[in-house]
N, C-alpha and C. Protein backbone atom coordinates (compact mmCIF):
# COMPACT_ATOMS: atom_id res chain seq x y z
N MET A 1 -9.04 8.99 -25.56
CA MET A 1 -9.59 8.53 -24.30
C MET A 1 -8.51 8.51 -23.23
N HIS A 2 -8.95 8.65 -22.00
CA HIS A 2 -8.04 8.61 -20.86
C HIS A 2 -8.00 7.21 -20.28
N GLU A 3 -6.82 6.84 -19.79
CA GLU A 3 -6.72 5.54 -19.12
C GLU A 3 -7.30 5.66 -17.72
N ARG A 4 -7.96 4.63 -17.29
CA ARG A 4 -8.50 4.61 -15.94
C ARG A 4 -7.37 4.31 -14.97
N PRO A 5 -7.30 5.03 -13.84
CA PRO A 5 -6.28 4.69 -12.85
C PRO A 5 -6.58 3.31 -12.25
N ALA A 6 -5.53 2.62 -11.87
CA ALA A 6 -5.72 1.31 -11.25
C ALA A 6 -6.49 1.47 -9.94
N ARG A 7 -7.37 0.54 -9.68
CA ARG A 7 -8.20 0.59 -8.47
C ARG A 7 -7.45 -0.05 -7.31
N LEU A 8 -7.48 0.61 -6.16
CA LEU A 8 -6.84 0.08 -4.97
C LEU A 8 -7.72 -0.99 -4.34
N ASP A 9 -7.18 -2.18 -4.21
CA ASP A 9 -7.90 -3.32 -3.66
C ASP A 9 -7.48 -3.51 -2.21
N LEU A 10 -8.30 -3.03 -1.27
CA LEU A 10 -7.98 -3.12 0.15
C LEU A 10 -8.49 -4.44 0.72
N ARG A 11 -7.64 -5.45 0.64
CA ARG A 11 -7.95 -6.76 1.22
C ARG A 11 -6.63 -7.42 1.59
N PRO A 12 -6.63 -8.27 2.59
CA PRO A 12 -5.38 -8.96 2.96
C PRO A 12 -4.78 -9.70 1.77
N GLY A 13 -3.48 -9.55 1.60
CA GLY A 13 -2.77 -10.21 0.51
C GLY A 13 -2.59 -9.36 -0.72
N ALA A 14 -3.31 -8.24 -0.83
CA ALA A 14 -3.17 -7.37 -2.00
C ALA A 14 -1.81 -6.69 -1.99
N ARG A 15 -1.23 -6.50 -3.18
CA ARG A 15 0.07 -5.82 -3.33
C ARG A 15 -0.17 -4.32 -3.46
N VAL A 16 0.60 -3.53 -2.71
CA VAL A 16 0.48 -2.08 -2.73
C VAL A 16 1.87 -1.44 -2.77
N ARG A 17 1.89 -0.14 -3.09
CA ARG A 17 3.13 0.63 -3.01
C ARG A 17 2.80 1.97 -2.36
N TRP A 18 3.83 2.64 -1.84
CA TRP A 18 3.66 3.94 -1.20
C TRP A 18 5.00 4.66 -1.15
N GLN A 19 4.95 5.96 -0.96
CA GLN A 19 6.14 6.79 -0.85
C GLN A 19 6.39 7.07 0.63
N PRO A 20 7.42 6.44 1.23
CA PRO A 20 7.68 6.71 2.64
C PRO A 20 8.20 8.13 2.84
N ALA A 21 7.91 8.70 3.98
CA ALA A 21 8.34 10.06 4.30
C ALA A 21 9.86 10.14 4.47
N HIS A 22 10.50 9.06 4.85
CA HIS A 22 11.93 9.05 5.16
C HIS A 22 12.83 8.52 4.05
N ALA A 23 12.27 8.19 2.90
CA ALA A 23 13.07 7.59 1.83
C ALA A 23 12.67 8.18 0.47
N PRO A 24 13.64 8.31 -0.44
CA PRO A 24 13.33 8.88 -1.75
C PRO A 24 12.63 7.91 -2.71
N ALA A 25 12.75 6.62 -2.48
CA ALA A 25 12.19 5.63 -3.38
C ALA A 25 10.90 5.03 -2.81
N GLU A 26 10.00 4.64 -3.71
CA GLU A 26 8.76 3.99 -3.28
C GLU A 26 9.07 2.60 -2.73
N LEU A 27 8.24 2.16 -1.81
CA LEU A 27 8.32 0.79 -1.29
C LEU A 27 7.09 0.03 -1.78
N GLU A 28 7.23 -1.27 -1.85
CA GLU A 28 6.13 -2.13 -2.25
C GLU A 28 5.98 -3.22 -1.21
N GLY A 29 4.75 -3.60 -0.93
CA GLY A 29 4.51 -4.64 0.06
C GLY A 29 3.16 -5.29 -0.10
N LYS A 30 2.81 -6.09 0.92
CA LYS A 30 1.57 -6.87 0.91
C LYS A 30 0.74 -6.47 2.12
N LEU A 31 -0.55 -6.21 1.89
CA LEU A 31 -1.45 -5.86 2.99
C LEU A 31 -1.65 -7.07 3.90
N ILE A 32 -1.56 -6.84 5.21
CA ILE A 32 -1.74 -7.91 6.19
C ILE A 32 -3.12 -7.81 6.84
N ARG A 33 -3.41 -6.66 7.47
CA ARG A 33 -4.72 -6.47 8.11
C ARG A 33 -4.99 -5.00 8.34
N PRO A 34 -6.26 -4.61 8.42
CA PRO A 34 -6.60 -3.20 8.68
C PRO A 34 -6.53 -2.89 10.17
N SER A 35 -6.41 -1.60 10.49
CA SER A 35 -6.49 -1.17 11.89
C SER A 35 -7.97 -1.25 12.31
N PRO A 36 -8.25 -1.19 13.60
CA PRO A 36 -9.65 -1.24 14.06
C PRO A 36 -10.53 -0.13 13.47
N THR A 37 -9.93 1.01 13.12
CA THR A 37 -10.69 2.12 12.56
C THR A 37 -10.72 2.11 11.03
N ASP A 38 -10.02 1.16 10.40
CA ASP A 38 -9.89 1.05 8.94
C ASP A 38 -9.19 2.25 8.30
N GLU A 39 -8.47 3.04 9.09
CA GLU A 39 -7.74 4.20 8.55
C GLU A 39 -6.32 3.84 8.13
N GLU A 40 -5.79 2.75 8.64
CA GLU A 40 -4.44 2.30 8.32
C GLU A 40 -4.46 0.81 8.04
N TRP A 41 -3.43 0.37 7.31
CA TRP A 41 -3.23 -1.06 7.06
C TRP A 41 -1.83 -1.45 7.49
N LEU A 42 -1.71 -2.64 8.07
CA LEU A 42 -0.41 -3.21 8.37
C LEU A 42 0.11 -3.79 7.07
N VAL A 43 1.30 -3.33 6.66
CA VAL A 43 1.88 -3.74 5.39
C VAL A 43 3.21 -4.44 5.64
N GLU A 44 3.37 -5.63 5.07
CA GLU A 44 4.64 -6.36 5.16
C GLU A 44 5.46 -6.02 3.92
N HIS A 45 6.72 -5.60 4.15
CA HIS A 45 7.59 -5.19 3.04
C HIS A 45 9.02 -5.63 3.34
N ARG A 46 9.95 -5.29 2.47
CA ARG A 46 11.33 -5.78 2.59
C ARG A 46 12.04 -5.30 3.85
N LEU A 47 11.56 -4.24 4.48
CA LEU A 47 12.18 -3.72 5.71
C LEU A 47 11.47 -4.20 6.97
N GLY A 48 10.41 -4.96 6.83
CA GLY A 48 9.65 -5.45 7.99
C GLY A 48 8.16 -5.22 7.80
N ARG A 49 7.53 -4.69 8.86
CA ARG A 49 6.09 -4.38 8.81
C ARG A 49 5.88 -2.96 9.30
N SER A 50 4.93 -2.26 8.68
CA SER A 50 4.62 -0.88 9.05
C SER A 50 3.13 -0.63 8.91
N TRP A 51 2.61 0.26 9.76
CA TRP A 51 1.23 0.73 9.60
C TRP A 51 1.27 1.92 8.64
N ILE A 52 0.50 1.85 7.55
CA ILE A 52 0.46 2.88 6.53
C ILE A 52 -0.97 3.38 6.39
N HIS A 53 -1.14 4.72 6.39
CA HIS A 53 -2.47 5.31 6.24
C HIS A 53 -2.99 5.02 4.83
N VAL A 54 -4.29 4.76 4.71
CA VAL A 54 -4.86 4.38 3.42
C VAL A 54 -4.69 5.45 2.35
N THR A 55 -4.58 6.72 2.72
CA THR A 55 -4.41 7.77 1.72
C THR A 55 -3.05 7.74 1.06
N ARG A 56 -2.08 7.04 1.64
CA ARG A 56 -0.73 6.93 1.06
C ARG A 56 -0.57 5.71 0.18
N LEU A 57 -1.52 4.78 0.22
CA LEU A 57 -1.41 3.53 -0.52
C LEU A 57 -1.85 3.68 -1.98
N MET A 58 -1.13 3.00 -2.87
CA MET A 58 -1.46 2.95 -4.30
C MET A 58 -1.35 1.49 -4.73
N PRO A 59 -2.06 1.13 -5.78
CA PRO A 59 -1.91 -0.26 -6.29
C PRO A 59 -0.47 -0.50 -6.73
N ALA A 60 0.02 -1.71 -6.53
CA ALA A 60 1.36 -2.07 -6.97
C ALA A 60 1.41 -2.07 -8.49
N ALA A 61 2.56 -1.76 -9.03
CA ALA A 61 2.74 -1.72 -10.48
C ALA A 61 2.55 -3.12 -11.06
N GLU A 62 1.88 -3.17 -12.19
CA GLU A 62 1.70 -4.45 -12.88
C GLU A 62 3.04 -4.93 -13.41
N ARG A 63 3.30 -6.21 -13.32
CA ARG A 63 4.56 -6.76 -13.80
C ARG A 63 4.31 -7.68 -14.95
């Protein structure tokens, strides 16, 4: 059997990760709020806050 991929939970406070275009390592952060069009989310992370397109977001790794 195949493992099911983790489901992305798009709600404020959810933990996510993504691969930034300018860095070799993935970043992890917390969703703050969606854009008015729901195409991007404001994500708080160790470098500050950034708007990230939903297609780049993945569920944060389980710890």
